[in-house]
């Protein structure tokens, strides 16, 4: 039963954080920031928020900077919108796994095109 609650809280935080970030950080400044996953501590007191940022290199840098700058504000808004005994302390982590996966697919396509008989 505890595991089910943990997963429900994790998914709720993921959804709420995505909405809060969307409202607080303009796309023109920080690019499109999406919450890929939330790693929640067993005691629910801290959370690693894995985000990806789509945009120009400058928007990506600015988006990461804005997330660090707005962490306390985002935590406060989260605390008002999600009722938990303690609002988790947030740590934002840039997740480039999607970008790396796309690069691997590009390399595989290039290798496939170079194969005789393709």
PDB file of N, CA and C in Angstrom:
ATOM      1  N   UNK A   1       0.830  -1.200   0.000  1.00  0.00           N
ATOM      2  CA  UNK A   1       0.000   0.000   0.000  1.00  0.00           C
ATOM      3  C   UNK A   1       0.870   1.257   0.000  1.00  0.00           C
ATOM      4  N   UNK A   2       1.975   1.205   0.754  1.00  0.00           N
ATOM      5  CA  UNK A   2       2.868   2.362   0.838  1.00  0.00           C
ATOM      6  C   UNK A   2       3.457   2.699  -0.530  1.00  0.00           C
ATOM      7  N   UNK A   3       3.806   1.663  -1.304  1.00  0.00           N
ATOM      8  CA  UNK A   3       4.396   1.870  -2.637  1.00  0.00           C
ATOM      9  C   UNK A   3       3.409   2.577  -3.574  1.00  0.00           C
ATOM     10  N   UNK A   4       2.142   2.221  -3.475  1.00  0.00           N
ATOM     11  CA  UNK A   4       1.112   2.840  -4.306  1.00  0.00           C
ATOM     12  C   UNK A   4       1.010   4.332  -3.978  1.00  0.00           C
ATOM     13  N   UNK A   5       1.037   4.660  -2.695  1.00  0.00           N
ATOM     14  CA  UNK A   5       0.963   6.071  -2.288  1.00  0.00           C
ATOM     15  C   UNK A   5       2.182   6.836  -2.810  1.00  0.00           C
ATOM     16  N   UNK A   6       3.337   6.231  -2.652  1.00  0.00           N
ATOM     17  CA  UNK A   6       4.583   6.841  -3.124  1.00  0.00           C
ATOM     18  C   UNK A   6       4.488   7.173  -4.614  1.00  0.00           C
ATOM     19  N   UNK A   7       4.029   6.219  -5.417  1.00  0.00           N
ATOM     20  CA  UNK A   7       3.916   6.436  -6.867  1.00  0.00           C
ATOM     21  C   UNK A   7       2.878   7.506  -7.185  1.00  0.00           C
ATOM     22  N   UNK A   8       1.778   7.510  -6.451  1.00  0.00           N
ATOM     23  CA  UNK A   8       0.749   8.533  -6.682  1.00  0.00           C
ATOM     24  C   UNK A   8       1.285   9.928  -6.365  1.00  0.00           C
ATOM     25  N   UNK A   9       2.011  10.065  -5.273  1.00  0.00           N
ATOM     26  CA  UNK A   9       2.595  11.356  -4.894  1.00  0.00           C
ATOM     27  C   UNK A   9       3.620  11.785  -5.938  1.00  0.00           C
ATOM     28  N   UNK A  10       4.453  10.856  -6.391  1.00  0.00           N
ATOM     29  CA  UNK A  10       5.478  11.160  -7.400  1.00  0.00           C
ATOM     30  C   UNK A  10       4.837  11.666  -8.698  1.00  0.00           C
ATOM     31  N   UNK A  11       3.809  11.001  -9.154  1.00  0.00           N
ATOM     32  CA  UNK A  11       3.115  11.411 -10.381  1.00  0.00           C
ATOM     33  C   UNK A  11       2.414  12.755 -10.197  1.00  0.00           C
ATOM     34  N   UNK A  12       1.815  12.965  -9.033  1.00  0.00           N
ATOM     35  CA  UNK A  12       1.156  14.238  -8.740  1.00  0.00           C
ATOM     36  C   UNK A  12       2.168  15.377  -8.767  1.00  0.00           C
ATOM     37  N   UNK A  13       3.327  15.170  -8.136  1.00  0.00           N
ATOM     38  CA  UNK A  13       4.374  16.199  -8.128  1.00  0.00           C
ATOM     39  C   UNK A  13       4.865  16.481  -9.543  1.00  0.00           C
ATOM     40  N   UNK A  14       5.046  15.436 -10.318  1.00  0.00           N
ATOM     41  CA  UNK A  14       5.512  15.592 -11.697  1.00  0.00           C
ATOM     42  C   UNK A  14       4.538  16.469 -12.501  1.00  0.00           C
ATOM     43  N   UNK A  15       3.259  16.171 -12.381  1.00  0.00           N
ATOM     44  CA  UNK A  15       2.232  16.930 -13.116  1.00  0.00           C
ATOM     45  C   UNK A  15       2.157  18.379 -12.633  1.00  0.00           C
ATOM     46  N   UNK A  16       2.120  18.564 -11.309  1.00  0.00           N
ATOM     47  CA  UNK A  16       2.014  19.912 -10.753  1.00  0.00           C
ATOM     48  C   UNK A  16       3.242  20.761 -11.064  1.00  0.00           C
ATOM     49  N   UNK A  17       4.421  20.169 -10.937  1.00  0.00           N
ATOM     50  CA  UNK A  17       5.645  20.916 -11.236  1.00  0.00           C
ATOM     51  C   UNK A  17       5.686  21.343 -12.692  1.00  0.00           C
ATOM     52  N   UNK A  18       5.247  20.480 -13.589  1.00  0.00           N
ATOM     53  CA  UNK A  18       5.186  20.841 -15.001  1.00  0.00           C
ATOM     54  C   UNK A  18       4.310  22.058 -15.232  1.00  0.00           C
ATOM     55  N   UNK A  19       3.159  22.083 -14.570  1.00  0.00           N
ATOM     56  CA  UNK A  19       2.239  23.224 -14.706  1.00  0.00           C
ATOM     57  C   UNK A  19       2.826  24.498 -14.099  1.00  0.00           C
ATOM     58  N   UNK A  20       3.409  24.383 -12.923  1.00  0.00           N
ATOM     59  CA  UNK A  20       3.989  25.550 -12.247  1.00  0.00           C
ATOM     60  C   UNK A  20       5.109  26.143 -13.104  1.00  0.00           C
ATOM     61  N   UNK A  21       5.992  25.291 -13.608  1.00  0.00           N
ATOM     62  CA  UNK A  21       7.106  25.770 -14.435  1.00  0.00           C
ATOM     63  C   UNK A  21       6.584  26.431 -15.701  1.00  0.00           C
ATOM     64  N   UNK A  22       5.570  25.827 -16.307  1.00  0.00           N
ATOM     65  CA  UNK A  22       4.978  26.388 -17.530  1.00  0.00           C
ATOM     66  C   UNK A  22       4.435  27.795 -17.272  1.00  0.00           C
ATOM     67  N   UNK A  23       3.822  27.996 -16.101  1.00  0.00           N
ATOM     68  CA  UNK A  23       3.244  29.310 -15.777  1.00  0.00           C
ATOM     69  C   UNK A  23       4.300  30.329 -15.355  1.00  0.00           C
ATOM     70  N   UNK A  24       5.375  29.891 -14.710  1.00  0.00           N
ATOM     71  CA  UNK A  24       6.338  30.814 -14.121  1.00  0.00           C
ATOM     72  C   UNK A  24       7.490  31.208 -15.039  1.00  0.00           C
ATOM     73  N   UNK A  25       7.853  30.334 -15.974  1.00  0.00           N
ATOM     74  CA  UNK A  25       9.017  30.615 -16.818  1.00  0.00           C
ATOM     75  C   UNK A  25       8.567  30.748 -18.271  1.00  0.00           C
ATOM     76  N   UNK A  26       8.636  31.969 -18.822  1.00  0.00           N
ATOM     77  CA  UNK A  26       8.205  32.189 -20.209  1.00  0.00           C
ATOM     78  C   UNK A  26       9.077  31.406 -21.201  1.00  0.00           C
ATOM     79  N   UNK A  27       8.449  30.847 -22.214  1.00  0.00           N
ATOM     80  CA  UNK A  27       9.164  30.068 -23.235  1.00  0.00           C
ATOM     81  C   UNK A  27      10.234  30.917 -23.915  1.00  0.00           C
ATOM     82  N   UNK A  28       9.938  32.181 -24.162  1.00  0.00           N
ATOM     83  CA  UNK A  28      10.901  33.059 -24.833  1.00  0.00           C
ATOM     84  C   UNK A  28      12.207  33.159 -24.044  1.00  0.00           C
ATOM     85  N   UNK A  29      12.121  33.070 -22.726  1.00  0.00           N
ATOM     86  CA  UNK A  29      13.315  33.167 -21.892  1.00  0.00           C
ATOM     87  C   UNK A  29      13.992  31.820 -21.676  1.00  0.00           C
ATOM     88  N   UNK A  30      13.217  30.838 -21.240  1.00  0.00           N
ATOM     89  CA  UNK A  30      13.798  29.582 -20.795  1.00  0.00           C
ATOM     90  C   UNK A  30      13.571  28.398 -21.708  1.00  0.00           C
ATOM     91  N   UNK A  31      13.034  28.625 -22.908  1.00  0.00           N
ATOM     92  CA  UNK A  31      12.731  27.512 -23.791  1.00  0.00           C
ATOM     93  C   UNK A  31      11.552  26.718 -23.253  1.00  0.00           C
ATOM     94  N   UNK A  32      11.309  25.572 -23.854  1.00  0.00           N
ATOM     95  CA  UNK A  32      10.234  24.693 -23.391  1.00  0.00           C
ATOM     96  C   UNK A  32      10.836  23.748 -22.358  1.00  0.00           C
ATOM     97  N   UNK A  33      10.398  23.888 -21.123  1.00  0.00           N
ATOM     98  CA  UNK A  33      10.919  23.065 -20.033  1.00  0.00           C
ATOM     99  C   UNK A  33       9.869  22.016 -19.699  1.00  0.00           C
ATOM    100  N   UNK A  34      10.275  20.763 -19.796  1.00  0.00           N
ATOM    101  CA  UNK A  34       9.327  19.696 -19.450  1.00  0.00           C
ATOM    102  C   UNK A  34       9.906  18.846 -18.325  1.00  0.00           C
ATOM    103  N   UNK A  35       9.022  18.418 -17.458  1.00  0.00           N
ATOM    104  CA  UNK A  35       9.412  17.567 -16.333  1.00  0.00           C
ATOM    105  C   UNK A  35       9.333  16.122 -16.808  1.00  0.00           C
ATOM    106  N   UNK A  36      10.489  15.458 -16.905  1.00  0.00           N
ATOM    107  CA  UNK A  36      10.539  14.078 -17.374  1.00  0.00           C
ATOM    108  C   UNK A  36      10.240  13.078 -16.271  1.00  0.00           C
ATOM    109  N   UNK A  37      10.727  13.376 -15.073  1.00  0.00           N
ATOM    110  CA  UNK A  37      10.532  12.438 -13.972  1.00  0.00           C
ATOM    111  C   UNK A  37      10.799  13.159 -12.657  1.00  0.00           C
ATOM    112  N   UNK A  38      10.324  12.570 -11.584  1.00  0.00           N
ATOM    113  CA  UNK A  38      10.598  13.080 -10.243  1.00  0.00           C
ATOM    114  C   UNK A  38      11.097  11.904  -9.413  1.00  0.00           C
ATOM    115  N   UNK A  39      12.307  12.043  -8.907  1.00  0.00           N
ATOM    116  CA  UNK A  39      12.866  11.035  -8.003  1.00  0.00           C
ATOM    117  C   UNK A  39      12.598  11.489  -6.584  1.00  0.00           C
ATOM    118  N   UNK A  40      11.719  10.801  -5.913  1.00  0.00           N
ATOM    119  CA  UNK A  40      11.257  11.221  -4.599  1.00  0.00           C
ATOM    120  C   UNK A  40      11.933  10.382  -3.512  1.00  0.00           C
ATOM    121  N   UNK A  41      12.443  11.055  -2.483  1.00  0.00           N
ATOM    122  CA  UNK A  41      13.060  10.340  -1.356  1.00  0.00           C
ATOM    123  C   UNK A  41      11.990   9.534  -0.626  1.00  0.00           C
ATOM    124  N   UNK A  42      12.396   8.460   0.009  1.00  0.00           N
ATOM    125  CA  UNK A  42      11.466   7.590   0.717  1.00  0.00           C
ATOM    126  C   UNK A  42      10.648   8.305   1.779  1.00  0.00           C
ATOM    127  N   UNK A  43      11.231   9.344   2.407  1.00  0.00           N
ATOM    128  CA  UNK A  43      10.508  10.087   3.444  1.00  0.00           C
ATOM    129  C   UNK A  43       9.705  11.258   2.859  1.00  0.00           C
ATOM    130  N   UNK A  44       9.715  11.396   1.539  1.00  0.00           N
ATOM    131  CA  UNK A  44       8.966  12.433   0.797  1.00  0.00           C
ATOM    132  C   UNK A  44       9.424  13.853   1.133  1.00  0.00           C
ATOM    133  N   UNK A  45      10.610  14.000   1.711  1.00  0.00           N
ATOM    134  CA  UNK A  45      11.062  15.331   2.113  1.00  0.00           C
ATOM    135  C   UNK A  45      11.942  16.012   1.072  1.00  0.00           C
ATOM    136  N   UNK A  46      12.424  15.254   0.090  1.00  0.00           N
ATOM    137  CA  UNK A  46      13.220  15.861  -0.973  1.00  0.00           C
ATOM    138  C   UNK A  46      12.912  15.159  -2.285  1.00  0.00           C
ATOM    139  N   UNK A  47      13.132  15.907  -3.372  1.00  0.00           N
ATOM    140  CA  UNK A  47      12.832  15.357  -4.689  1.00  0.00           C
ATOM    141  C   UNK A  47      13.820  15.895  -5.710  1.00  0.00           C
ATOM    142  N   UNK A  48      14.322  14.992  -6.550  1.00  0.00           N
ATOM    143  CA  UNK A  48      15.114  15.392  -7.708  1.00  0.00           C
ATOM    144  C   UNK A  48      14.137  15.487  -8.869  1.00  0.00           C
ATOM    145  N   UNK A  49      14.119  16.649  -9.508  1.00  0.00           N
ATOM    146  CA  UNK A  49      13.201  16.884 -10.612  1.00  0.00           C
ATOM    147  C   UNK A  49      14.023  16.866 -11.893  1.00  0.00           C
ATOM    148  N   UNK A  50      13.807  15.841 -12.710  1.00  0.00           N
ATOM    149  CA  UNK A  50      14.543  15.690 -13.951  1.00  0.00           C
ATOM    150  C   UNK A  50      13.791  16.425 -15.058  1.00  0.00           C
ATOM    151  N   UNK A  51      14.439  17.445 -15.622  1.00  0.00           N
ATOM    152  CA  UNK A  51      13.801  18.270 -16.643  1.00  0.00           C
ATOM    153  C   UNK A  51      14.612  18.255 -17.928  1.00  0.00           C
ATOM    154  N   UNK A  52      13.915  18.447 -19.033  1.00  0.00           N
ATOM    155  CA  UNK A  52      14.605  18.673 -20.295  1.00  0.00           C
ATOM    156  C   UNK A  52      14.182  20.042 -20.793  1.00  0.00           C
ATOM    157  N   UNK A  53      15.101  20.693 -21.481  1.00  0.00           N
ATOM    158  CA  UNK A  53      14.855  22.042 -21.979  1.00  0.00           C
ATOM    159  C   UNK A  53      15.078  22.035 -23.481  1.00  0.00           C
ATOM    160  N   UNK A  54      14.032  22.380 -24.223  1.00  0.00           N
ATOM    161  CA  UNK A  54      14.113  22.444 -25.672  1.00  0.00           C
ATOM    162  C   UNK A  54      14.146  23.914 -26.063  1.00  0.00           C
ATOM    163  N   UNK A  55      15.116  24.275 -26.871  1.00  0.00           N
ATOM    164  CA  UNK A  55      15.253  25.654 -27.313  1.00  0.00           C
ATOM    165  C   UNK A  55      16.672  25.888 -27.787  1.00  0.00           C
ATOM    166  N   UNK A  56      16.976  27.135 -28.031  1.00  0.00           N
ATOM    167  CA  UNK A  56      18.328  27.482 -28.444  1.00  0.00           C
ATOM    168  C   UNK A  56      19.280  27.225 -27.280  1.00  0.00           C
ATOM    169  N   UNK A  57      20.566  27.219 -27.567  1.00  0.00           N
ATOM    170  CA  UNK A  57      21.556  27.013 -26.510  1.00  0.00           C
ATOM    171  C   UNK A  57      21.410  28.074 -25.429  1.00  0.00           C
ATOM    172  N   UNK A  58      21.157  29.304 -25.845  1.00  0.00           N
ATOM    173  CA  UNK A  58      20.986  30.398 -24.887  1.00  0.00           C
ATOM    174  C   UNK A  58      19.737  30.177 -24.037  1.00  0.00           C
ATOM    175  N   UNK A  59      18.628  29.732 -24.648  1.00  0.00           N
ATOM    176  CA  UNK A  59      17.407  29.457 -23.891  1.00  0.00           C
ATOM    177  C   UNK A  59      17.629  28.319 -22.899  1.00  0.00           C
ATOM    178  N   UNK A  60      18.406  27.315 -23.313  1.00  0.00           N
ATOM    179  CA  UNK A  60      18.680  26.189 -22.414  1.00  0.00           C
ATOM    180  C   UNK A  60      19.472  26.648 -21.197  1.00  0.00           C
ATOM    181  N   UNK A  61      20.494  27.471 -21.420  1.00  0.00           N
ATOM    182  CA  UNK A  61      21.285  27.999 -20.307  1.00  0.00           C
ATOM    183  C   UNK A  61      20.418  28.865 -19.398  1.00  0.00           C
ATOM    184  N   UNK A  62      19.615  29.728 -20.019  1.00  0.00           N
ATOM    185  CA  UNK A  62      18.745  30.631 -19.268  1.00  0.00           C
ATOM    186  C   UNK A  62      17.683  29.832 -18.503  1.00  0.00           C
ATOM    187  N   UNK A  63      17.128  28.795 -19.130  1.00  0.00           N
ATOM    188  CA  UNK A  63      16.127  27.958 -18.471  1.00  0.00           C
ATOM    189  C   UNK A  63      16.685  27.286 -17.231  1.00  0.00           C
ATOM    190  N   UNK A  64      17.893  26.738 -17.333  1.00  0.00           N
ATOM    191  CA  UNK A  64      18.537  26.097 -16.181  1.00  0.00           C
ATOM    192  C   UNK A  64      18.791  27.118 -15.071  1.00  0.00           C
ATOM    193  N   UNK A  65      19.226  28.303 -15.466  1.00  0.00           N
ATOM    194  CA  UNK A  65      19.484  29.367 -14.502  1.00  0.00           C
ATOM    195  C   UNK A  65      18.189  29.804 -13.812  1.00  0.00           C
ATOM    196  N   UNK A  66      17.125  29.954 -14.579  1.00  0.00           N
ATOM    197  CA  UNK A  66      15.840  30.364 -14.008  1.00  0.00           C
ATOM    198  C   UNK A  66      15.284  29.304 -13.053  1.00  0.00           C
ATOM    199  N   UNK A  67      15.468  28.033 -13.379  1.00  0.00           N
ATOM    200  CA  UNK A  67      15.016  26.978 -12.470  1.00  0.00           C
ATOM    201  C   UNK A  67      15.727  27.082 -11.127  1.00  0.00           C
ATOM    202  N   UNK A  68      17.041  27.303 -11.171  1.00  0.00           N
ATOM    203  CA  UNK A  68      17.793  27.461  -9.914  1.00  0.00           C
ATOM    204  C   UNK A  68      17.308  28.699  -9.159  1.00  0.00           C
ATOM    205  N   UNK A  69      17.104  29.783  -9.903  1.00  0.00           N
ATOM    206  CA  UNK A  69      16.699  31.051  -9.303  1.00  0.00           C
ATOM    207  C   UNK A  69      15.297  30.972  -8.688  1.00  0.00           C
ATOM    208  N   UNK A  70      14.392  30.241  -9.324  1.00  0.00           N
ATOM    209  CA  UNK A  70      12.994  30.173  -8.891  1.00  0.00           C
ATOM    210  C   UNK A  70      12.682  28.951  -8.020  1.00  0.00           C
ATOM    211  N   UNK A  71      13.685  28.194  -7.606  1.00  0.00           N
ATOM    212  CA  UNK A  71      13.430  26.961  -6.855  1.00  0.00           C
ATOM    213  C   UNK A  71      12.544  27.195  -5.631  1.00  0.00           C
ATOM    214  N   UNK A  72      12.849  28.200  -4.822  1.00  0.00           N
ATOM    215  CA  UNK A  72      12.074  28.463  -3.605  1.00  0.00           C
ATOM    216  C   UNK A  72      10.652  28.877  -3.968  1.00  0.00           C
ATOM    217  N   UNK A  73      10.497  29.736  -4.971  1.00  0.00           N
ATOM    218  CA  UNK A  73       9.162  30.150  -5.418  1.00  0.00           C
ATOM    219  C   UNK A  73       8.357  28.935  -5.882  1.00  0.00           C
ATOM    220  N   UNK A  74       8.992  28.075  -6.686  1.00  0.00           N
ATOM    221  CA  UNK A  74       8.311  26.878  -7.191  1.00  0.00           C
ATOM    222  C   UNK A  74       7.917  25.967  -6.026  1.00  0.00           C
ATOM    223  N   UNK A  75       8.796  25.798  -5.039  1.00  0.00           N
ATOM    224  CA  UNK A  75       8.476  24.989  -3.856  1.00  0.00           C
ATOM    225  C   UNK A  75       7.283  25.574  -3.111  1.00  0.00           C
ATOM    226  N   UNK A  76       7.254  26.899  -2.956  1.00  0.00           N
ATOM    227  CA  UNK A  76       6.144  27.547  -2.247  1.00  0.00           C
ATOM    228  C   UNK A  76       4.824  27.343  -2.977  1.00  0.00           C
ATOM    229  N   UNK A  77       4.838  27.524  -4.292  1.00  0.00           N
ATOM    230  CA  UNK A  77       3.614  27.329  -5.076  1.00  0.00           C
ATOM    231  C   UNK A  77       3.181  25.865  -4.997  1.00  0.00           C
ATOM    232  N   UNK A  78       4.148  24.960  -5.068  1.00  0.00           N
ATOM    233  CA  UNK A  78       3.851  23.531  -4.960  1.00  0.00           C
ATOM    234  C   UNK A  78       3.203  23.219  -3.610  1.00  0.00           C
ATOM    235  N   UNK A  79       3.735  23.815  -2.551  1.00  0.00           N
ATOM    236  CA  UNK A  79       3.189  23.603  -1.213  1.00  0.00           C
ATOM    237  C   UNK A  79       1.756  24.071  -1.076  1.00  0.00           C
ATOM    238  N   UNK A  80       1.383  25.103  -1.840  1.00  0.00           N
ATOM    239  CA  UNK A  80       0.010  25.608  -1.807  1.00  0.00           C
ATOM    240  C   UNK A  80      -0.931  24.745  -2.646  1.00  0.00           C
ATOM    241  N   UNK A  81      -0.403  24.136  -3.711  1.00  0.00           N
ATOM    242  CA  UNK A  81      -1.280  23.387  -4.613  1.00  0.00           C
ATOM    243  C   UNK A  81      -1.364  21.895  -4.285  1.00  0.00           C
ATOM    244  N   UNK A  82      -0.368  21.357  -3.586  1.00  0.00           N
ATOM    245  CA  UNK A  82      -0.371  19.938  -3.219  1.00  0.00           C
ATOM    246  C   UNK A  82      -0.294  19.847  -1.700  1.00  0.00           C
ATOM    247  N   UNK A  83      -1.279  19.189  -1.115  1.00  0.00           N
ATOM    248  CA  UNK A  83      -1.328  19.089   0.339  1.00  0.00           C
ATOM    249  C   UNK A  83      -0.562  17.838   0.791  1.00  0.00           C
ATOM    250  N   UNK A  84       0.604  18.092   1.374  1.00  0.00           N
ATOM    251  CA  UNK A  84       1.427  17.039   1.961  1.00  0.00           C
ATOM    252  C   UNK A  84       1.866  17.526   3.337  1.00  0.00           C
ATOM    253  N   UNK A  85       2.278  16.595   4.190  1.00  0.00           N
ATOM    254  CA  UNK A  85       2.760  16.987   5.521  1.00  0.00           C
ATOM    255  C   UNK A  85       3.941  17.948   5.382  1.00  0.00           C
ATOM    256  N   UNK A  86       4.867  17.620   4.467  1.00  0.00           N
ATOM    257  CA  UNK A  86       6.023  18.481   4.195  1.00  0.00           C
ATOM    258  C   UNK A  86       6.132  18.656   2.691  1.00  0.00           C
ATOM    259  N   UNK A  87       6.382  19.889   2.257  1.00  0.00           N
ATOM    260  CA  UNK A  87       6.657  20.107   0.842  1.00  0.00           C
ATOM    261  C   UNK A  87       8.095  19.677   0.594  1.00  0.00           C
ATOM    262  N   UNK A  88       8.321  18.811  -0.397  1.00  0.00           N
ATOM    263  CA  UNK A  88       9.687  18.330  -0.631  1.00  0.00           C
ATOM    264  C   UNK A  88      10.633  19.456  -1.054  1.00  0.00           C
ATOM    265  N   UNK A  89      11.875  19.348  -0.591  1.00  0.00           N
ATOM    266  CA  UNK A  89      12.938  20.240  -1.039  1.00  0.00           C
ATOM    267  C   UNK A  89      13.288  19.811  -2.468  1.00  0.00           C
ATOM    268  N   UNK A  90      13.271  20.745  -3.413  1.00  0.00           N
ATOM    269  CA  UNK A  90      13.465  20.409  -4.820  1.00  0.00           C
ATOM    270  C   UNK A  90      14.897  20.639  -5.279  1.00  0.00           C
ATOM    271  N   UNK A  91      15.377  19.715  -6.092  1.00  0.00           N
ATOM    272  CA  UNK A  91      16.660  19.858  -6.763  1.00  0.00           C
ATOM    273  C   UNK A  91      16.409  19.580  -8.239  1.00  0.00           C
ATOM    274  N   UNK A  92      16.639  20.577  -9.084  1.00  0.00           N
ATOM    275  CA  UNK A  92      16.417  20.410 -10.518  1.00  0.00           C
ATOM    276  C   UNK A  92      17.672  19.858 -11.175  1.00  0.00           C
ATOM    277  N   UNK A  93      17.474  18.825 -11.995  1.00  0.00           N
ATOM    278  CA  UNK A  93      18.565  18.168 -12.702  1.00  0.00           C
ATOM    279  C   UNK A  93      18.218  18.166 -14.185  1.00  0.00           C
ATOM    280  N   UNK A  94      19.145  18.676 -15.011  1.00  0.00           N
ATOM    281  CA  UNK A  94      18.920  18.681 -16.452  1.00  0.00           C
ATOM    282  C   UNK A  94      19.103  17.252 -16.965  1.00  0.00           C
ATOM    283  N   UNK A  95      18.073  16.742 -17.597  1.00  0.00           N
ATOM    284  CA  UNK A  95      18.047  15.364 -18.102  1.00  0.00           C
ATOM    285  C   UNK A  95      18.211  15.413 -19.616  1.00  0.00           C
ATOM    286  N   UNK A  96      19.380  15.000 -20.094  1.00  0.00           N
ATOM    287  CA  UNK A  96      19.628  15.035 -21.535  1.00  0.00           C
ATOM    288  C   UNK A  96      19.475  13.657 -22.173  1.00  0.00           C
ATOM    289  N   UNK A  97      18.801  12.741 -21.493  1.00  0.00           N
ATOM    290  CA  UNK A  97      18.680  11.371 -22.003  1.00  0.00           C
ATOM    291  C   UNK A  97      17.909  11.322 -23.320  1.00  0.00           C
ATOM    292  N   UNK A  98      16.911  12.169 -23.492  1.00  0.00           N
ATOM    293  CA  UNK A  98      16.156  12.184 -24.749  1.00  0.00           C
ATOM    294  C   UNK A  98      17.062  12.656 -25.882  1.00  0.00           C
ATOM    295  N   UNK A  99      17.823  13.706 -25.605  1.00  0.00           N
ATOM    296  CA  UNK A  99      18.748  14.239 -26.606  1.00  0.00           C
ATOM    297  C   UNK A  99      19.801  13.194 -26.983  1.00  0.00           C
ATOM    298  N   UNK A 100      20.339  12.500 -25.976  1.00  0.00           N
ATOM    299  CA  UNK A 100      21.334  11.452 -26.249  1.00  0.00           C
ATOM    300  C   UNK A 100      20.724  10.305 -27.038  1.00  0.00           C
ATOM    301  N   UNK A 101      19.495   9.945 -26.719  1.00  0.00           N
ATOM    302  CA  UNK A 101      18.798   8.887 -27.449  1.00  0.00           C
ATOM    303  C   UNK A 101      18.589   9.253 -28.906  1.00  0.00           C
ATOM    304  N   UNK A 102      18.211  10.512 -29.146  1.00  0.00           N
ATOM    305  CA  UNK A 102      18.032  10.978 -30.528  1.00  0.00           C
ATOM    306  C   UNK A 102      19.346  10.940 -31.288  1.00  0.00           C
ATOM    307  N   UNK A 103      20.433  11.297 -30.623  1.00  0.00           N
ATOM    308  CA  UNK A 103      21.753  11.280 -31.271  1.00  0.00           C
ATOM    309  C   UNK A 103      22.149   9.850 -31.629  1.00  0.00           C
ATOM    310  N   UNK A 104      21.872   8.907 -30.754  1.00  0.00           N
ATOM    311  CA  UNK A 104      22.176   7.502 -31.040  1.00  0.00           C
ATOM    312  C   UNK A 104      21.377   7.026 -32.244  1.00  0.00           C
ATOM    313  N   UNK A 105      20.102   7.413 -32.322  1.00  0.00           N
ATOM    314  CA  UNK A 105      19.280   7.039 -33.478  1.00  0.00           C
ATOM    315  C   UNK A 105      19.833   7.631 -34.776  1.00  0.00           C
ATOM    316  N   UNK A 106      20.315   8.882 -34.710  1.00  0.00           N
ATOM    317  CA  UNK A 106      20.927   9.512 -35.884  1.00  0.00           C
ATOM    318  C   UNK A 106      22.162   8.731 -36.332  1.00  0.00           C
ATOM    319  N   UNK A 107      22.999   8.348 -35.384  1.00  0.00           N
ATOM    320  CA  UNK A 107      24.214   7.590 -35.707  1.00  0.00           C
ATOM    321  C   UNK A 107      23.849   6.251 -36.330  1.00  0.00           C
ATOM    322  N   UNK A 108      22.852   5.568 -35.765  1.00  0.00           N
ATOM    323  CA  UNK A 108      22.412   4.289 -36.319  1.00  0.00           C
ATOM    324  C   UNK A 108      21.884   4.454 -37.743  1.00  0.00           C
ATOM    325  N   UNK A 109      21.140   5.535 -37.989  1.00  0.00           N
ATOM    326  CA  UNK A 109      20.644   5.812 -39.348  1.00  0.00           C
ATOM    327  C   UNK A 109      21.797   6.044 -40.316  1.00  0.00           C
ATOM    328  N   UNK A 110      22.812   6.810 -39.857  1.00  0.00           N
ATOM    329  CA  UNK A 110      23.973   7.068 -40.703  1.00  0.00           C
ATOM    330  C   UNK A 110      24.715   5.773 -41.023  1.00  0.00           C
ATOM    331  N   UNK A 111      24.870   4.917 -40.027  1.00  0.00           N
ATOM    332  CA  UNK A 111      25.530   3.621 -40.246  1.00  0.00           C
ATOM    333  C   UNK A 111      24.729   2.751 -41.197  1.00  0.00           C
ATOM    334  N   UNK A 112      23.415   2.782 -41.049  1.00  0.00           N
ATOM    335  CA  UNK A 112      22.540   1.982 -41.899  1.00  0.00           C
ATOM    336  C   UNK A 112      22.615   2.451 -43.347  1.00  0.00           C
ATOM    337  N   UNK A 113      22.708   3.736 -43.567  1.00  0.00           N
ATOM    338  CA  UNK A 113      22.791   4.298 -44.927  1.00  0.00           C
ATOM    339  C   UNK A 113      24.120   3.946 -45.575  1.00  0.00           C
ATOM    340  N   UNK A 114      25.149   3.768 -44.748  1.00  0.00           N
ATOM    341  CA  UNK A 114      26.475   3.433 -45.285  1.00  0.00           C
ATOM    342  C   UNK A 114      26.662   1.961 -45.578  1.00  0.00           C
ATOM    343  N   UNK A 115      25.681   1.130 -45.204  1.00  0.00           N
ATOM    344  CA  UNK A 115      25.778  -0.311 -45.420  1.00  0.00           C
ATOM    345  C   UNK A 115      25.439  -0.640 -46.866  1.00  0.00           C
ATOM    346  N   UNK A 116      26.289  -1.422 -47.589  1.00  0.00           N
ATOM    347  CA  UNK A 116      25.982  -1.798 -48.971  1.00  0.00           C
ATOM    348  C   UNK A 116      24.677  -2.587 -49.038  1.00  0.00           C
ATOM    349  N   UNK A 117      23.908  -2.327 -50.074  1.00  0.00           N
ATOM    350  CA  UNK A 117      22.654  -3.031 -50.272  1.00  0.00           C
ATOM    351  C   UNK A 117      21.485  -2.364 -49.594  1.00  0.00           C
ATOM    352  N   UNK A 118      21.697  -1.192 -48.974  1.00  0.00           N
ATOM    353  CA  UNK A 118      20.605  -0.492 -48.294  1.00  0.00           C
ATOM    354  C   UNK A 118      19.844   0.355 -49.262  1.00  0.00           C
TER     355      UNK A 118
END
